[in-house]
Protein backbone atom coordinates (compact mmCIF):
# COMPACT_ATOMS: atom_id res chain seq x y z
CA UNK A 1 104.84 160.85 147.67
CA UNK A 2 103.02 159.22 150.21
CA UNK A 3 101.16 156.22 148.98
CA UNK A 4 101.37 154.55 145.39
CA UNK A 5 97.78 156.41 144.37
CA UNK A 6 100.20 159.67 143.84
CA UNK A 7 102.17 157.01 141.62
CA UNK A 8 100.93 158.62 137.89
CA UNK A 9 101.11 154.88 136.63
CA UNK A 10 98.91 153.96 139.28
CA UNK A 11 96.08 156.35 138.48
CA UNK A 12 96.75 155.21 134.82
CA UNK A 13 96.31 151.50 135.40
CA UNK A 14 93.33 152.04 137.25
CA UNK A 15 91.57 154.29 134.57
CA UNK A 16 92.32 151.55 132.26
CA UNK A 17 91.14 148.80 134.31
CA UNK A 18 88.01 150.89 134.44
CA UNK A 19 87.58 151.09 131.23
CA UNK A 20 88.45 147.67 129.99
CA UNK A 21 85.64 146.87 133.06
CA UNK A 22 82.91 148.63 131.40
CA UNK A 23 83.93 147.01 127.86
CA UNK A 24 83.81 143.62 128.69
CA UNK A 25 80.53 144.20 130.25
CA UNK A 26 79.28 144.63 126.60
CA UNK A 27 80.55 141.32 125.32
CA UNK A 28 77.74 139.06 124.19
CA UNK A 29 76.43 136.58 126.81
CA UNK A 30 77.90 133.49 125.79
CA UNK A 31 81.63 135.38 126.41
CA UNK A 32 80.85 137.64 129.12
CA UNK A 33 81.27 135.22 131.91
CA UNK A 34 84.52 133.26 130.43
CA UNK A 35 86.54 135.49 128.42
CA UNK A 36 85.25 138.91 130.16
CA UNK A 37 86.07 137.49 133.41
CA UNK A 38 89.46 136.55 132.68
CA UNK A 39 89.96 140.02 131.26
CA UNK A 40 88.74 141.99 133.85
CA UNK A 41 91.04 139.84 136.11
CA UNK A 42 94.24 140.20 134.09
CA UNK A 43 93.77 144.05 133.84
CA UNK A 44 92.71 144.49 137.65
CA UNK A 45 96.38 142.39 138.17
CA UNK A 46 98.32 145.62 136.63
CA UNK A 47 97.22 147.87 139.47
CA UNK A 48 97.73 145.47 142.07
CA UNK A 49 101.13 144.80 141.11
CA UNK A 50 101.44 148.44 141.43
CA UNK A 51 100.24 148.70 144.92
CA UNK A 52 102.15 145.75 146.25
CA UNK A 53 105.81 146.80 144.34
CA UNK A 54 105.07 150.13 146.13
CA UNK A 55 104.60 148.04 149.41
CA UNK A 56 108.16 146.92 148.59
CA UNK A 57 109.65 150.35 147.63
CA UNK A 58 112.43 150.46 150.22
CA UNK A 59 113.70 147.28 148.40
CA UNK A 60 114.47 148.77 145.12
CA UNK A 61 115.57 146.01 143.18
CA UNK A 62 111.77 144.03 144.18
CA UNK A 63 110.37 147.33 143.57
CA UNK A 64 111.95 147.60 140.47
CA UNK A 65 110.45 143.59 139.22
CA UNK A 66 107.09 144.36 140.14
CA UNK A 67 107.06 147.17 137.94
CA UNK A 68 108.84 145.20 134.88
CA UNK A 69 106.07 142.41 135.53
CA UNK A 70 103.61 144.85 133.70
């Protein structure tokens, strides 16, 4: 494994983020910026946590903690 992009969980989370982003762009105008923005940011945080945890992979307890937060 050379990169976090090789992790199956990362690719699944990334694809989910793209799907959620597309779905939230179809929300009604009055919810697009407030609720939609919150949902988009939280979905992006999932893959960001995986990447951050991967950066700490040599410290296995810390890596597991980042994955457990999901």
